[in-house]
Amino acid sequence: MGKLAESLGVVPASKPCRVASILNELDSEDRDALVAGCNKVRQVPAHQRSSHRYPYTEMWLIRALRTQGFTLSKDSMSRHIRGECGCEFA
C-alpha cells in the first residue's frame, strides 16, 4: 500500500468544534439563544448575508460571544454555520 493510501485510510478522530465547546459551557437559556442565532444566520445564503441589509451574520454571533468572554474565529463560526464542522449541533 502506498504512503498516501495508508494515510488516507486512517479515520481522523473528531473533536467538538469551538462552537460546540461554547454551547457545552452555556446554561440552557443561553444555549437555546445561540442555536437560534445560528439558525437565523443559516436562513440566508452567504452571498446575501454579506449585504449590509441583513443584520444576522457570523460576525454578529462572534461579537455577542466575545462580549461574554468567549473567543473564536470567523472561520470556526463559518464552518459551523455551513455544517462542515461535524459537531452534533451543526
PDB file of N, CA and C in Angstrom:
ATOM      1  N   MET A   1       0.850  -1.172   0.000  1.00  0.00           N
ATOM      2  CA  MET A   1       0.000   0.000   0.000  1.00  0.00           C
ATOM      3  C   MET A   1       0.895   1.235   0.000  1.00  0.00           C
ATOM      4  N   GLY A   2       0.545   2.221  -0.809  1.00  0.00           N
ATOM      5  CA  GLY A   2       1.319   3.448  -0.876  1.00  0.00           C
ATOM      6  C   GLY A   2       1.163   4.277   0.398  1.00  0.00           C
ATOM      7  N   LYS A   3       2.112   5.181   0.606  1.00  0.00           N
ATOM      8  CA  LYS A   3       2.084   6.007   1.813  1.00  0.00           C
ATOM      9  C   LYS A   3       0.836   6.878   1.896  1.00  0.00           C
ATOM     10  N   LEU A   4       0.434   7.473   0.773  1.00  0.00           N
ATOM     11  CA  LEU A   4      -0.757   8.317   0.781  1.00  0.00           C
ATOM     12  C   LEU A   4      -1.991   7.477   1.055  1.00  0.00           C
ATOM     13  N   ALA A   5      -2.093   6.337   0.400  1.00  0.00           N
ATOM     14  CA  ALA A   5      -3.247   5.455   0.608  1.00  0.00           C
ATOM     15  C   ALA A   5      -3.329   5.039   2.077  1.00  0.00           C
ATOM     16  N   GLU A   6      -2.179   4.763   2.662  1.00  0.00           N
ATOM     17  CA  GLU A   6      -2.142   4.377   4.065  1.00  0.00           C
ATOM     18  C   GLU A   6      -2.606   5.531   4.957  1.00  0.00           C
ATOM     19  N   SER A   7      -2.120   6.735   4.671  1.00  0.00           N
ATOM     20  CA  SER A   7      -2.511   7.909   5.461  1.00  0.00           C
ATOM     21  C   SER A   7      -4.000   8.204   5.333  1.00  0.00           C
ATOM     22  N   LEU A   8      -4.525   8.051   4.110  1.00  0.00           N
ATOM     23  CA  LEU A   8      -5.940   8.317   3.888  1.00  0.00           C
ATOM     24  C   LEU A   8      -6.833   7.236   4.477  1.00  0.00           C
ATOM     25  N   GLY A   9      -6.260   6.099   4.789  1.00  0.00           N
ATOM     26  CA  GLY A   9      -7.017   5.010   5.389  1.00  0.00           C
ATOM     27  C   GLY A   9      -7.276   5.207   6.869  1.00  0.00           C
ATOM     28  N   VAL A  10      -6.593   6.166   7.473  1.00  0.00           N
ATOM     29  CA  VAL A  10      -6.767   6.439   8.897  1.00  0.00           C
ATOM     30  C   VAL A  10      -7.921   7.416   9.070  1.00  0.00           C
ATOM     31  N   VAL A  11      -8.919   7.018   9.831  1.00  0.00           N
ATOM     32  CA  VAL A  11     -10.055   7.903  10.089  1.00  0.00           C
ATOM     33  C   VAL A  11      -9.637   8.881  11.179  1.00  0.00           C
ATOM     34  N   PRO A  12      -9.729  10.185  10.877  1.00  0.00           N
ATOM     35  CA  PRO A  12      -9.312  11.157  11.887  1.00  0.00           C
ATOM     36  C   PRO A  12     -10.261  11.167  13.077  1.00  0.00           C
ATOM     37  N   ALA A  13      -9.690  11.364  14.230  1.00  0.00           N
ATOM     38  CA  ALA A  13     -10.503  11.483  15.436  1.00  0.00           C
ATOM     39  C   ALA A  13     -11.247  12.809  15.369  1.00  0.00           C
ATOM     40  N   SER A  14     -12.502  12.772  15.723  1.00  0.00           N
ATOM     41  CA  SER A  14     -13.251  14.025  15.696  1.00  0.00           C
ATOM     42  C   SER A  14     -13.302  14.607  17.100  1.00  0.00           C
ATOM     43  N   LYS A  15     -13.239  15.896  17.143  1.00  0.00           N
ATOM     44  CA  LYS A  15     -13.385  16.582  18.417  1.00  0.00           C
ATOM     45  C   LYS A  15     -14.399  17.692  18.190  1.00  0.00           C
ATOM     46  N   PRO A  16     -15.043  18.135  19.244  1.00  0.00           N
ATOM     47  CA  PRO A  16     -16.061  19.155  19.057  1.00  0.00           C
ATOM     48  C   PRO A  16     -15.475  20.438  18.491  1.00  0.00           C
ATOM     49  N   CYS A  17     -16.248  21.089  17.631  1.00  0.00           N
ATOM     50  CA  CYS A  17     -15.801  22.371  17.105  1.00  0.00           C
ATOM     51  C   CYS A  17     -15.858  23.408  18.228  1.00  0.00           C
ATOM     52  N   ARG A  18     -15.305  24.565  17.984  1.00  0.00           N
ATOM     53  CA  ARG A  18     -15.266  25.616  19.012  1.00  0.00           C
ATOM     54  C   ARG A  18     -16.677  26.052  19.400  1.00  0.00           C
ATOM     55  N   VAL A  19     -17.591  26.108  18.439  1.00  0.00           N
ATOM     56  CA  VAL A  19     -18.963  26.498  18.766  1.00  0.00           C
ATOM     57  C   VAL A  19     -19.591  25.446  19.680  1.00  0.00           C
ATOM     58  N   ALA A  20     -19.369  24.166  19.401  1.00  0.00           N
ATOM     59  CA  ALA A  20     -19.897  23.104  20.263  1.00  0.00           C
ATOM     60  C   ALA A  20     -19.310  23.194  21.664  1.00  0.00           C
ATOM     61  N   SER A  21     -18.020  23.507  21.762  1.00  0.00           N
ATOM     62  CA  SER A  21     -17.395  23.668  23.081  1.00  0.00           C
ATOM     63  C   SER A  21     -18.059  24.791  23.859  1.00  0.00           C
ATOM     64  N   ILE A  22     -18.351  25.886  23.165  1.00  0.00           N
ATOM     65  CA  ILE A  22     -19.022  27.011  23.824  1.00  0.00           C
ATOM     66  C   ILE A  22     -20.438  26.611  24.227  1.00  0.00           C
ATOM     67  N   LEU A  23     -21.167  25.956  23.320  1.00  0.00           N
ATOM     68  CA  LEU A  23     -22.528  25.526  23.634  1.00  0.00           C
ATOM     69  C   LEU A  23     -22.554  24.648  24.877  1.00  0.00           C
ATOM     70  N   ASN A  24     -21.549  23.799  25.039  1.00  0.00           N
ATOM     71  CA  ASN A  24     -21.486  22.910  26.206  1.00  0.00           C
ATOM     72  C   ASN A  24     -21.230  23.668  27.506  1.00  0.00           C
ATOM     73  N   GLU A  25     -20.704  24.894  27.414  1.00  0.00           N
ATOM     74  CA  GLU A  25     -20.432  25.698  28.605  1.00  0.00           C
ATOM     75  C   GLU A  25     -21.622  26.555  29.027  1.00  0.00           C
ATOM     76  N   LEU A  26     -22.601  26.707  28.151  1.00  0.00           N
ATOM     77  CA  LEU A  26     -23.713  27.618  28.407  1.00  0.00           C
ATOM     78  C   LEU A  26     -24.845  26.942  29.171  1.00  0.00           C
ATOM     79  N   ASP A  27     -25.620  27.762  29.905  1.00  0.00           N
ATOM     80  CA  ASP A  27     -26.837  27.225  30.507  1.00  0.00           C
ATOM     81  C   ASP A  27     -27.876  27.046  29.400  1.00  0.00           C
ATOM     82  N   SER A  28     -28.974  26.400  29.703  1.00  0.00           N
ATOM     83  CA  SER A  28     -29.933  26.036  28.658  1.00  0.00           C
ATOM     84  C   SER A  28     -30.530  27.249  27.952  1.00  0.00           C
ATOM     85  N   GLU A  29     -30.784  28.331  28.670  1.00  0.00           N
ATOM     86  CA  GLU A  29     -31.355  29.526  28.029  1.00  0.00           C
ATOM     87  C   GLU A  29     -30.379  30.138  27.022  1.00  0.00           C
ATOM     88  N   ASP A  30     -29.119  30.278  27.432  1.00  0.00           N
ATOM     89  CA  ASP A  30     -28.113  30.845  26.526  1.00  0.00           C
ATOM     90  C   ASP A  30     -27.793  29.895  25.378  1.00  0.00           C
ATOM     91  N   ARG A  31     -27.806  28.592  25.652  1.00  0.00           N
ATOM     92  CA  ARG A  31     -27.567  27.608  24.594  1.00  0.00           C
ATOM     93  C   ARG A  31     -28.664  27.718  23.536  1.00  0.00           C
ATOM     94  N   ASP A  32     -29.913  27.780  23.985  1.00  0.00           N
ATOM     95  CA  ASP A  32     -31.026  27.914  23.045  1.00  0.00           C
ATOM     96  C   ASP A  32     -30.916  29.200  22.232  1.00  0.00           C
ATOM     97  N   ALA A  33     -30.480  30.291  22.891  1.00  0.00           N
ATOM     98  CA  ALA A  33     -30.332  31.575  22.193  1.00  0.00           C
ATOM     99  C   ALA A  33     -29.241  31.493  21.122  1.00  0.00           C
ATOM    100  N   LEU A  34     -28.123  30.835  21.432  1.00  0.00           N
ATOM    101  CA  LEU A  34     -27.043  30.714  20.448  1.00  0.00           C
ATOM    102  C   LEU A  34     -27.466  29.821  19.284  1.00  0.00           C
ATOM    103  N   VAL A  35     -28.144  28.732  19.569  1.00  0.00           N
ATOM    104  CA  VAL A  35     -28.633  27.858  18.494  1.00  0.00           C
ATOM    105  C   VAL A  35     -29.620  28.629  17.612  1.00  0.00           C
ATOM    106  N   ALA A  36     -30.505  29.396  18.229  1.00  0.00           N
ATOM    107  CA  ALA A  36     -31.455  30.203  17.456  1.00  0.00           C
ATOM    108  C   ALA A  36     -30.713  31.238  16.611  1.00  0.00           C
ATOM    109  N   GLY A  37     -29.668  31.838  17.171  1.00  0.00           N
ATOM    110  CA  GLY A  37     -28.860  32.796  16.421  1.00  0.00           C
ATOM    111  C   GLY A  37     -28.196  32.144  15.225  1.00  0.00           C
ATOM    112  N   CYS A  38     -27.649  30.963  15.415  1.00  0.00           N
ATOM    113  CA  CYS A  38     -27.027  30.227  14.295  1.00  0.00           C
ATOM    114  C   CYS A  38     -28.063  29.937  13.216  1.00  0.00           C
ATOM    115  N   ASN A  39     -29.267  29.588  13.630  1.00  0.00           N
ATOM    116  CA  ASN A  39     -30.321  29.303  12.659  1.00  0.00           C
ATOM    117  C   ASN A  39     -30.723  30.557  11.888  1.00  0.00           C
ATOM    118  N   LYS A  40     -30.724  31.726  12.552  1.00  0.00           N
ATOM    119  CA  LYS A  40     -31.016  32.983  11.853  1.00  0.00           C
ATOM    120  C   LYS A  40     -29.981  33.246  10.770  1.00  0.00           C
ATOM    121  N   VAL A  41     -28.723  32.981  11.094  1.00  0.00           N
ATOM    122  CA  VAL A  41     -27.650  33.198  10.118  1.00  0.00           C
ATOM    123  C   VAL A  41     -27.804  32.217   8.962  1.00  0.00           C
ATOM    124  N   ARG A  42     -28.138  30.971   9.255  1.00  0.00           N
ATOM    125  CA  ARG A  42     -28.260  29.936   8.219  1.00  0.00           C
ATOM    126  C   ARG A  42     -29.404  30.185   7.246  1.00  0.00           C
ATOM    127  N   GLN A  43     -30.408  30.924   7.662  1.00  0.00           N
ATOM    128  CA  GLN A  43     -31.609  31.108   6.846  1.00  0.00           C
ATOM    129  C   GLN A  43     -31.341  31.813   5.521  1.00  0.00           C
ATOM    130  N   VAL A  44     -30.258  32.553   5.448  1.00  0.00           N
ATOM    131  CA  VAL A  44     -29.963  33.336   4.252  1.00  0.00           C
ATOM    132  C   VAL A  44     -28.630  32.858   3.670  1.00  0.00           C
ATOM    133  N   PRO A  45     -28.557  32.666   2.348  1.00  0.00           N
ATOM    134  CA  PRO A  45     -27.293  32.249   1.733  1.00  0.00           C
ATOM    135  C   PRO A  45     -26.162  33.235   2.026  1.00  0.00           C
ATOM    136  N   ALA A  46     -24.960  32.727   2.110  1.00  0.00           N
ATOM    137  CA  ALA A  46     -23.795  33.538   2.496  1.00  0.00           C
ATOM    138  C   ALA A  46     -23.631  34.779   1.627  1.00  0.00           C
ATOM    139  N   HIS A  47     -23.845  34.662   0.329  1.00  0.00           N
ATOM    140  CA  HIS A  47     -23.645  35.826  -0.537  1.00  0.00           C
ATOM    141  C   HIS A  47     -24.670  36.925  -0.248  1.00  0.00           C
ATOM    142  N   GLN A  48     -25.820  36.569   0.303  1.00  0.00           N
ATOM    143  CA  GLN A  48     -26.816  37.585   0.665  1.00  0.00           C
ATOM    144  C   GLN A  48     -26.553  38.152   2.057  1.00  0.00           C
ATOM    145  N   ARG A  49     -25.930  37.353   2.929  1.00  0.00           N
ATOM    146  CA  ARG A  49     -25.610  37.845   4.276  1.00  0.00           C
ATOM    147  C   ARG A  49     -24.568  38.945   4.230  1.00  0.00           C
ATOM    148  N   SER A  50     -23.738  38.936   3.208  1.00  0.00           N
ATOM    149  CA  SER A  50     -22.690  39.951   3.133  1.00  0.00           C
ATOM    150  C   SER A  50     -23.262  41.329   2.832  1.00  0.00           C
ATOM    151  N   SER A  51     -24.506  41.380   2.426  1.00  0.00           N
ATOM    152  CA  SER A  51     -25.174  42.654   2.187  1.00  0.00           C
ATOM    153  C   SER A  51     -25.340  43.379   3.524  1.00  0.00           C
ATOM    154  N   HIS A  52     -25.198  44.676   3.503  1.00  0.00           N
ATOM    155  CA  HIS A  52     -25.343  45.449   4.736  1.00  0.00           C
ATOM    156  C   HIS A  52     -26.787  45.486   5.225  1.00  0.00           C
ATOM    157  N   ARG A  53     -27.700  44.995   4.414  1.00  0.00           N
ATOM    158  CA  ARG A  53     -29.109  44.998   4.792  1.00  0.00           C
ATOM    159  C   ARG A  53     -29.480  43.813   5.676  1.00  0.00           C
ATOM    160  N   TYR A  54     -28.691  42.782   5.713  1.00  0.00           N
ATOM    161  CA  TYR A  54     -29.013  41.609   6.528  1.00  0.00           C
ATOM    162  C   TYR A  54     -28.166  41.642   7.794  1.00  0.00           C
ATOM    163  N   PRO A  55     -28.801  41.837   8.956  1.00  0.00           N
ATOM    164  CA  PRO A  55     -28.020  42.047  10.185  1.00  0.00           C
ATOM    165  C   PRO A  55     -27.456  40.781  10.823  1.00  0.00           C
ATOM    166  N   TYR A  56     -27.996  39.612  10.473  1.00  0.00           N
ATOM    167  CA  TYR A  56     -27.590  38.379  11.161  1.00  0.00           C
ATOM    168  C   TYR A  56     -26.473  37.689  10.388  1.00  0.00           C
ATOM    169  N   THR A  57     -25.259  37.846  10.867  1.00  0.00           N
ATOM    170  CA  THR A  57     -24.079  37.293  10.214  1.00  0.00           C
ATOM    171  C   THR A  57     -23.241  36.533  11.236  1.00  0.00           C
ATOM    172  N   GLU A  58     -22.236  35.846  10.732  1.00  0.00           N
ATOM    173  CA  GLU A  58     -21.304  35.168  11.630  1.00  0.00           C
ATOM    174  C   GLU A  58     -20.663  36.169  12.600  1.00  0.00           C
ATOM    175  N   MET A  59     -20.322  37.343  12.090  1.00  0.00           N
ATOM    176  CA  MET A  59     -19.683  38.350  12.954  1.00  0.00           C
ATOM    177  C   MET A  59     -20.632  38.850  14.035  1.00  0.00           C
ATOM    178  N   TRP A  60     -21.911  38.909  13.758  1.00  0.00           N
ATOM    179  CA  TRP A  60     -22.911  39.269  14.766  1.00  0.00           C
ATOM    180  C   TRP A  60     -22.842  38.277  15.932  1.00  0.00           C
ATOM    181  N   LEU A  61     -22.785  36.987  15.603  1.00  0.00           N
ATOM    182  CA  LEU A  61     -22.681  35.953  16.636  1.00  0.00           C
ATOM    183  C   LEU A  61     -21.353  36.046  17.385  1.00  0.00           C
ATOM    184  N   ILE A  62     -20.272  36.219  16.637  1.00  0.00           N
ATOM    185  CA  ILE A  62     -18.943  36.280  17.252  1.00  0.00           C
ATOM    186  C   ILE A  62     -18.844  37.452  18.215  1.00  0.00           C
ATOM    187  N   ARG A  63     -19.332  38.611  17.800  1.00  0.00           N
ATOM    188  CA  ARG A  63     -19.294  39.795  18.685  1.00  0.00           C
ATOM    189  C   ARG A  63     -20.078  39.555  19.964  1.00  0.00           C
ATOM    190  N   ALA A  64     -21.257  38.948  19.839  1.00  0.00           N
ATOM    191  CA  ALA A  64     -22.064  38.653  21.024  1.00  0.00           C
ATOM    192  C   ALA A  64     -21.318  37.693  21.955  1.00  0.00           C
ATOM    193  N   LEU A  65     -20.686  36.678  21.384  1.00  0.00           N
ATOM    194  CA  LEU A  65     -19.936  35.726  22.211  1.00  0.00           C
ATOM    195  C   LEU A  65     -18.724  36.384  22.859  1.00  0.00           C
ATOM    196  N   ARG A  66     -18.057  37.249  22.129  1.00  0.00           N
ATOM    197  CA  ARG A  66     -16.881  37.921  22.688  1.00  0.00           C
ATOM    198  C   ARG A  66     -17.249  38.827  23.858  1.00  0.00           C
ATOM    199  N   THR A  67     -18.438  39.453  23.810  1.00  0.00           N
ATOM    200  CA  THR A  67     -18.848  40.292  24.943  1.00  0.00           C
ATOM    201  C   THR A  67     -19.044  39.455  26.202  1.00  0.00           C
ATOM    202  N   GLN A  68     -19.237  38.166  26.020  1.00  0.00           N
ATOM    203  CA  GLN A  68     -19.405  37.254  27.158  1.00  0.00           C
ATOM    204  C   GLN A  68     -18.111  36.524  27.523  1.00  0.00           C
ATOM    205  N   GLY A  69     -17.007  36.919  26.869  1.00  0.00           N
ATOM    206  CA  GLY A  69     -15.704  36.355  27.210  1.00  0.00           C
ATOM    207  C   GLY A  69     -15.282  35.142  26.406  1.00  0.00           C
ATOM    208  N   PHE A  70     -16.050  34.752  25.406  1.00  0.00           N
ATOM    209  CA  PHE A  70     -15.691  33.614  24.569  1.00  0.00           C
ATOM    210  C   PHE A  70     -14.877  34.093  23.373  1.00  0.00           C
ATOM    211  N   THR A  71     -13.934  33.276  22.949  1.00  0.00           N
ATOM    212  CA  THR A  71     -13.145  33.605  21.766  1.00  0.00           C
ATOM    213  C   THR A  71     -13.325  32.507  20.726  1.00  0.00           C
ATOM    214  N   LEU A  72     -13.456  32.934  19.490  1.00  0.00           N
ATOM    215  CA  LEU A  72     -13.469  32.009  18.374  1.00  0.00           C
ATOM    216  C   LEU A  72     -13.256  32.802  17.098  1.00  0.00           C
ATOM    217  N   SER A  73     -12.810  32.102  16.087  1.00  0.00           N
ATOM    218  CA  SER A  73     -12.500  32.766  14.826  1.00  0.00           C
ATOM    219  C   SER A  73     -13.722  32.758  13.906  1.00  0.00           C
ATOM    220  N   LYS A  74     -13.678  33.630  12.920  1.00  0.00           N
ATOM    221  CA  LYS A  74     -14.745  33.663  11.909  1.00  0.00           C
ATOM    222  C   LYS A  74     -14.759  32.351  11.142  1.00  0.00           C
ATOM    223  N   ASP A  75     -13.584  31.789  10.898  1.00  0.00           N
ATOM    224  CA  ASP A  75     -13.516  30.506  10.186  1.00  0.00           C
ATOM    225  C   ASP A  75     -14.240  29.402  10.957  1.00  0.00           C
ATOM    226  N   SER A  76     -14.034  29.361  12.269  1.00  0.00           N
ATOM    227  CA  SER A  76     -14.712  28.347  13.090  1.00  0.00           C
ATOM    228  C   SER A  76     -16.220  28.520  13.028  1.00  0.00           C
ATOM    229  N   MET A  77     -16.668  29.761  13.165  1.00  0.00           N
ATOM    230  CA  MET A  77     -18.105  30.020  13.126  1.00  0.00           C
ATOM    231  C   MET A  77     -18.670  29.705  11.741  1.00  0.00           C
ATOM    232  N   SER A  78     -17.952  30.090  10.688  1.00  0.00           N
ATOM    233  CA  SER A  78     -18.424  29.830   9.330  1.00  0.00           C
ATOM    234  C   SER A  78     -18.540  28.333   9.051  1.00  0.00           C
ATOM    235  N   ARG A  79     -17.543  27.559   9.472  1.00  0.00           N
ATOM    236  CA  ARG A  79     -17.611  26.105   9.277  1.00  0.00           C
ATOM    237  C   ARG A  79     -18.821  25.536  10.005  1.00  0.00           C
ATOM    238  N   HIS A  80     -19.065  26.026  11.207  1.00  0.00           N
ATOM    239  CA  HIS A  80     -20.208  25.554  11.985  1.00  0.00           C
ATOM    240  C   HIS A  80     -21.521  25.909  11.279  1.00  0.00           C
ATOM    241  N   ILE A  81     -21.639  27.149  10.832  1.00  0.00           N
ATOM    242  CA  ILE A  81     -22.855  27.598  10.157  1.00  0.00           C
ATOM    243  C   ILE A  81     -23.104  26.770   8.884  1.00  0.00           C
ATOM    244  N   ARG A  82     -22.061  26.449   8.163  1.00  0.00           N
ATOM    245  CA  ARG A  82     -22.196  25.655   6.931  1.00  0.00           C
ATOM    246  C   ARG A  82     -22.420  24.171   7.222  1.00  0.00           C
ATOM    247  N   GLY A  83     -22.263  23.771   8.477  1.00  0.00           N
ATOM    248  CA  GLY A  83     -22.426  22.357   8.830  1.00  0.00           C
ATOM    249  C   GLY A  83     -21.234  21.516   8.453  1.00  0.00           C
ATOM    250  N   GLU A  84     -20.078  22.132   8.314  1.00  0.00           N
ATOM    251  CA  GLU A  84     -18.866  21.417   7.914  1.00  0.00           C
ATOM    252  C   GLU A  84     -17.988  21.028   9.094  1.00  0.00           C
ATOM    253  N   CYS A  85     -18.426  21.323  10.295  1.00  0.00           N
ATOM    254  CA  CYS A  85     -17.585  21.030  11.455  1.00  0.00           C
ATOM    255  C   CYS A  85     -17.794  19.625  11.995  1.00  0.00           C
ATOM    256  N   GLY A  86     -18.918  19.023  11.708  1.00  0.00           N
ATOM    257  CA  GLY A  86     -19.175  17.649  12.165  1.00  0.00           C
ATOM    258  C   GLY A  86     -19.644  17.547  13.604  1.00  0.00           C
ATOM    259  N   CYS A  87     -19.910  18.663  14.248  1.00  0.00           N
ATOM    260  CA  CYS A  87     -20.379  18.562  15.641  1.00  0.00           C
ATOM    261  C   CYS A  87     -21.866  18.237  15.663  1.00  0.00           C
ATOM    262  N   GLU A  88     -22.342  17.844  16.812  1.00  0.00           N
ATOM    263  CA  GLU A  88     -23.743  17.429  16.945  1.00  0.00           C
ATOM    264  C   GLU A  88     -24.712  18.599  16.843  1.00  0.00           C
ATOM    265  N   PHE A  89     -24.227  19.829  16.956  1.00  0.00           N
ATOM    266  CA  PHE A  89     -25.104  20.988  16.951  1.00  0.00           C
ATOM    267  C   PHE A  89     -25.224  21.628  15.579  1.00  0.00           C
ATOM    268  N   ALA A  90     -24.424  21.194  14.620  1.00  0.00           N
ATOM    269  CA  ALA A  90     -24.380  21.880  13.317  1.00  0.00           C
ATOM    270  C   ALA A  90     -25.668  21.794  12.533  1.00  0.00           C
TER     271      ALA A  90
END
